[in-house]
Amino acid sequence: DMYGYEISKRIREKSNDEFQMKETTLYVCLKRLEKKNYIEGYWNDEKNTGGGRRRYYKILEEGKEIFKQKTKEWKALQKIMNRFVLDTDE
């Protein structure tokens, strides 16, 4: 489970700072994922150093399944695109 800032930070780290998502964009995406029942958001009542509550998100089973499916689709598309990009027959 992670809260918004942690998710944003993870995205930057995984992309070696090549991709950054604006906070508003991230929260719009999280809301859409919640609506589709791919993730679940909940408020943590513990006080953090900033004093406010944090909304945490966790992936649900349906979200895990769609992630697997989309990853498989992406890999298939990537394989096809690599044929075009790496094709030396001109």
N, C-alpha and C. Protein backbone atom coordinates (compact mmCIF):
# COMPACT_ATOMS: atom_id res chain seq x y z
N ASP A 1 0.85 -1.18 0.00
CA ASP A 1 0.00 0.00 0.00
C ASP A 1 0.89 1.24 0.00
N MET A 2 0.48 2.23 -0.78
CA MET A 2 1.26 3.47 -0.86
C MET A 2 0.31 4.66 -0.95
N TYR A 3 0.77 5.81 -0.51
CA TYR A 3 0.00 7.03 -0.67
C TYR A 3 0.52 7.76 -1.91
N GLY A 4 -0.21 8.77 -2.34
CA GLY A 4 0.07 9.44 -3.60
C GLY A 4 1.51 9.86 -3.81
N TYR A 5 2.10 10.52 -2.84
CA TYR A 5 3.48 10.99 -3.00
C TYR A 5 4.44 9.82 -3.19
N GLU A 6 4.21 8.73 -2.46
CA GLU A 6 5.06 7.54 -2.60
C GLU A 6 4.96 6.97 -4.01
N ILE A 7 3.75 6.94 -4.54
CA ILE A 7 3.53 6.43 -5.90
C ILE A 7 4.28 7.31 -6.90
N SER A 8 4.14 8.62 -6.75
CA SER A 8 4.82 9.56 -7.63
C SER A 8 6.34 9.39 -7.57
N LYS A 9 6.84 9.24 -6.37
CA LYS A 9 8.28 9.04 -6.16
C LYS A 9 8.75 7.74 -6.81
N ARG A 10 7.97 6.69 -6.66
CA ARG A 10 8.32 5.38 -7.25
C ARG A 10 8.36 5.48 -8.78
N ILE A 11 7.42 6.20 -9.36
CA ILE A 11 7.40 6.39 -10.82
C ILE A 11 8.68 7.08 -11.27
N ARG A 12 9.07 8.13 -10.57
CA ARG A 12 10.31 8.85 -10.92
C ARG A 12 11.53 7.93 -10.78
N GLU A 13 11.59 7.19 -9.70
CA GLU A 13 12.74 6.29 -9.47
C GLU A 13 12.82 5.21 -10.53
N LYS A 14 11.69 4.56 -10.83
CA LYS A 14 11.68 3.47 -11.80
C LYS A 14 12.03 3.95 -13.21
N SER A 15 11.75 5.22 -13.49
CA SER A 15 12.04 5.77 -14.82
C SER A 15 13.37 6.52 -14.85
N ASN A 16 14.15 6.41 -13.79
CA ASN A 16 15.42 7.15 -13.68
C ASN A 16 15.21 8.65 -13.92
N ASP A 17 14.15 9.18 -13.34
CA ASP A 17 13.78 10.60 -13.44
C ASP A 17 13.45 11.05 -14.86
N GLU A 18 13.18 10.12 -15.77
CA GLU A 18 12.83 10.48 -17.14
C GLU A 18 11.33 10.73 -17.29
N PHE A 19 10.54 10.26 -16.34
CA PHE A 19 9.10 10.44 -16.40
C PHE A 19 8.61 10.94 -15.05
N GLN A 20 7.90 12.06 -15.10
CA GLN A 20 7.31 12.59 -13.88
C GLN A 20 5.84 12.86 -14.14
N MET A 21 5.01 12.48 -13.21
CA MET A 21 3.58 12.68 -13.35
C MET A 21 3.15 13.81 -12.41
N LYS A 22 2.44 14.77 -12.97
CA LYS A 22 1.93 15.87 -12.13
C LYS A 22 0.95 15.30 -11.11
N GLU A 23 0.92 15.93 -9.96
CA GLU A 23 0.09 15.46 -8.86
C GLU A 23 -1.38 15.34 -9.26
N THR A 24 -1.89 16.36 -9.96
CA THR A 24 -3.31 16.32 -10.35
C THR A 24 -3.58 15.16 -11.30
N THR A 25 -2.67 14.90 -12.22
CA THR A 25 -2.83 13.79 -13.16
C THR A 25 -2.85 12.46 -12.41
N LEU A 26 -1.95 12.32 -11.46
CA LEU A 26 -1.87 11.09 -10.68
C LEU A 26 -3.18 10.83 -9.95
N TYR A 27 -3.72 11.85 -9.29
CA TYR A 27 -4.94 11.65 -8.51
C TYR A 27 -6.15 11.39 -9.40
N VAL A 28 -6.19 11.97 -10.59
CA VAL A 28 -7.26 11.67 -11.54
C VAL A 28 -7.17 10.19 -11.94
N CYS A 29 -5.95 9.73 -12.21
CA CYS A 29 -5.74 8.31 -12.57
C CYS A 29 -6.15 7.39 -11.43
N LEU A 30 -5.76 7.74 -10.22
CA LEU A 30 -6.10 6.91 -9.06
C LEU A 30 -7.62 6.82 -8.88
N LYS A 31 -8.31 7.94 -9.08
CA LYS A 31 -9.78 7.95 -8.97
C LYS A 31 -10.41 7.04 -10.01
N ARG A 32 -9.89 7.09 -11.25
CA ARG A 32 -10.42 6.23 -12.32
C ARG A 32 -10.19 4.76 -12.00
N LEU A 33 -9.01 4.45 -11.49
CA LEU A 33 -8.69 3.06 -11.14
C LEU A 33 -9.59 2.57 -10.00
N GLU A 34 -9.90 3.47 -9.08
CA GLU A 34 -10.80 3.12 -7.97
C GLU A 34 -12.21 2.85 -8.50
N LYS A 35 -12.67 3.70 -9.42
CA LYS A 35 -14.00 3.53 -10.00
C LYS A 35 -14.15 2.19 -10.71
N LYS A 36 -13.07 1.73 -11.33
CA LYS A 36 -13.09 0.47 -12.06
C LYS A 36 -12.83 -0.73 -11.14
N ASN A 37 -12.67 -0.46 -9.86
CA ASN A 37 -12.39 -1.50 -8.85
C ASN A 37 -11.07 -2.23 -9.09
N TYR A 38 -10.08 -1.50 -9.62
CA TYR A 38 -8.74 -2.06 -9.79
C TYR A 38 -7.90 -1.79 -8.55
N ILE A 39 -8.20 -0.68 -7.87
CA ILE A 39 -7.50 -0.33 -6.63
C ILE A 39 -8.53 0.09 -5.59
N GLU A 40 -8.07 0.16 -4.35
CA GLU A 40 -8.93 0.62 -3.27
C GLU A 40 -8.16 1.68 -2.49
N GLY A 41 -8.83 2.79 -2.24
CA GLY A 41 -8.22 3.85 -1.45
C GLY A 41 -8.82 3.87 -0.05
N TYR A 42 -8.00 4.20 0.92
CA TYR A 42 -8.49 4.30 2.29
C TYR A 42 -7.65 5.34 3.03
N TRP A 43 -8.27 5.95 4.03
CA TRP A 43 -7.58 6.96 4.83
C TRP A 43 -6.87 6.31 6.00
N ASN A 44 -5.63 6.70 6.20
CA ASN A 44 -4.87 6.25 7.35
C ASN A 44 -5.07 7.30 8.44
N ASP A 45 -5.54 6.88 9.58
CA ASP A 45 -5.84 7.83 10.65
C ASP A 45 -4.62 8.26 11.45
N GLU A 46 -3.48 7.59 11.22
CA GLU A 46 -2.28 7.97 11.96
C GLU A 46 -1.80 9.34 11.48
N LYS A 47 -1.35 10.14 12.41
CA LYS A 47 -0.81 11.45 12.05
C LYS A 47 0.58 11.26 11.46
N ASN A 48 0.84 11.95 10.35
CA ASN A 48 2.18 11.91 9.78
C ASN A 48 2.92 13.16 10.21
N THR A 49 4.14 13.32 9.77
CA THR A 49 4.96 14.45 10.20
C THR A 49 4.36 15.78 9.77
N GLY A 50 3.56 15.79 8.69
CA GLY A 50 2.93 17.02 8.22
C GLY A 50 1.65 17.33 8.96
N GLY A 51 1.16 16.39 9.75
CA GLY A 51 -0.03 16.63 10.55
C GLY A 51 -1.33 16.16 9.93
N GLY A 52 -1.39 15.98 8.60
CA GLY A 52 -2.63 15.57 7.96
C GLY A 52 -2.72 14.07 7.77
N ARG A 53 -3.92 13.62 7.42
CA ARG A 53 -4.11 12.20 7.12
C ARG A 53 -3.67 11.93 5.69
N ARG A 54 -3.28 10.70 5.43
CA ARG A 54 -2.87 10.30 4.09
C ARG A 54 -3.86 9.27 3.55
N ARG A 55 -4.12 9.37 2.26
CA ARG A 55 -4.96 8.38 1.59
C ARG A 55 -4.05 7.36 0.93
N TYR A 56 -4.18 6.13 1.34
CA TYR A 56 -3.38 5.04 0.81
C TYR A 56 -4.17 4.28 -0.25
N TYR A 57 -3.43 3.66 -1.15
CA TYR A 57 -4.05 2.89 -2.22
C TYR A 57 -3.43 1.51 -2.26
N LYS A 58 -4.28 0.52 -2.51
CA LYS A 58 -3.77 -0.84 -2.68
C LYS A 58 -4.45 -1.47 -3.88
N ILE A 59 -3.71 -2.32 -4.57
CA ILE A 59 -4.25 -2.97 -5.76
C ILE A 59 -5.14 -4.14 -5.35
N LEU A 60 -6.26 -4.28 -6.04
CA LEU A 60 -7.20 -5.37 -5.77
C LEU A 60 -6.97 -6.50 -6.78
N GLU A 61 -7.61 -7.64 -6.55
CA GLU A 61 -7.41 -8.80 -7.44
C GLU A 61 -7.72 -8.46 -8.89
N GLU A 62 -8.82 -7.76 -9.12
CA GLU A 62 -9.17 -7.38 -10.49
C GLU A 62 -8.09 -6.49 -11.10
N GLY A 63 -7.51 -5.63 -10.30
CA GLY A 63 -6.41 -4.78 -10.75
C GLY A 63 -5.18 -5.59 -11.11
N LYS A 64 -4.89 -6.61 -10.31
CA LYS A 64 -3.75 -7.48 -10.60
C LYS A 64 -3.96 -8.22 -11.91
N GLU A 65 -5.18 -8.69 -12.14
CA GLU A 65 -5.49 -9.42 -13.37
C GLU A 65 -5.37 -8.52 -14.60
N ILE A 66 -5.91 -7.32 -14.51
CA ILE A 66 -5.84 -6.40 -15.65
C ILE A 66 -4.40 -5.99 -15.90
N PHE A 67 -3.61 -5.86 -14.84
CA PHE A 67 -2.20 -5.53 -14.99
C PHE A 67 -1.47 -6.64 -15.75
N LYS A 68 -1.73 -7.88 -15.39
CA LYS A 68 -1.11 -9.02 -16.09
C LYS A 68 -1.50 -9.01 -17.56
N GLN A 69 -2.78 -8.78 -17.82
CA GLN A 69 -3.29 -8.77 -19.19
C GLN A 69 -2.64 -7.65 -20.00
N LYS A 70 -2.60 -6.44 -19.44
CA LYS A 70 -2.03 -5.29 -20.15
C LYS A 70 -0.53 -5.46 -20.35
N THR A 71 0.15 -6.08 -19.39
CA THR A 71 1.58 -6.34 -19.54
C THR A 71 1.83 -7.30 -20.69
N LYS A 72 1.00 -8.32 -20.78
CA LYS A 72 1.12 -9.29 -21.87
C LYS A 72 0.88 -8.61 -23.23
N GLU A 73 -0.15 -7.76 -23.30
CA GLU A 73 -0.44 -7.02 -24.53
C GLU A 73 0.72 -6.10 -24.90
N TRP A 74 1.28 -5.42 -23.90
CA TRP A 74 2.39 -4.50 -24.14
C TRP A 74 3.60 -5.25 -24.69
N LYS A 75 3.91 -6.39 -24.11
CA LYS A 75 5.06 -7.17 -24.57
C LYS A 75 4.87 -7.64 -26.01
N ALA A 76 3.65 -8.04 -26.36
CA ALA A 76 3.37 -8.46 -27.74
C ALA A 76 3.54 -7.28 -28.70
N LEU A 77 3.02 -6.12 -28.33
CA LEU A 77 3.16 -4.93 -29.17
C LEU A 77 4.62 -4.51 -29.28
N GLN A 78 5.34 -4.59 -28.18
CA GLN A 78 6.76 -4.23 -28.17
C GLN A 78 7.55 -5.13 -29.12
N LYS A 79 7.22 -6.40 -29.13
CA LYS A 79 7.89 -7.36 -30.00
C LYS A 79 7.66 -6.99 -31.48
N ILE A 80 6.43 -6.64 -31.81
CA ILE A 80 6.10 -6.24 -33.19
C ILE A 80 6.82 -4.95 -33.55
N MET A 81 6.79 -3.97 -32.66
CA MET A 81 7.44 -2.68 -32.93
C MET A 81 8.94 -2.85 -33.10
N ASN A 82 9.54 -3.72 -32.32
CA ASN A 82 10.98 -3.97 -32.44
C ASN A 82 11.34 -4.51 -33.83
N ARG A 83 10.45 -5.30 -34.41
CA ARG A 83 10.70 -5.80 -35.77
C ARG A 83 10.80 -4.65 -36.76
N PHE A 84 9.95 -3.65 -36.59
CA PHE A 84 9.99 -2.49 -37.49
C PHE A 84 11.21 -1.62 -37.23
N VAL A 85 11.47 -1.36 -35.98
CA VAL A 85 12.57 -0.47 -35.61
C VAL A 85 13.92 -1.10 -35.92
N LEU A 86 14.04 -2.37 -35.66
CA LEU A 86 15.33 -3.04 -35.84
C LEU A 86 15.49 -3.65 -37.23
N ASP A 87 14.48 -3.53 -38.08
CA ASP A 87 14.53 -4.08 -39.44
C ASP A 87 15.57 -3.33 -40.26
N THR A 88 16.54 -4.05 -40.78
CA THR A 88 17.60 -3.41 -41.57
C THR A 88 17.40 -3.60 -43.07
N ASP A 89 16.32 -4.28 -43.46
CA ASP A 89 16.01 -4.45 -44.88
C ASP A 89 15.37 -3.18 -45.41
N GLU A 90 16.11 -2.44 -46.21
CA GLU A 90 15.55 -1.19 -46.76
C GLU A 90 15.70 -1.16 -48.23
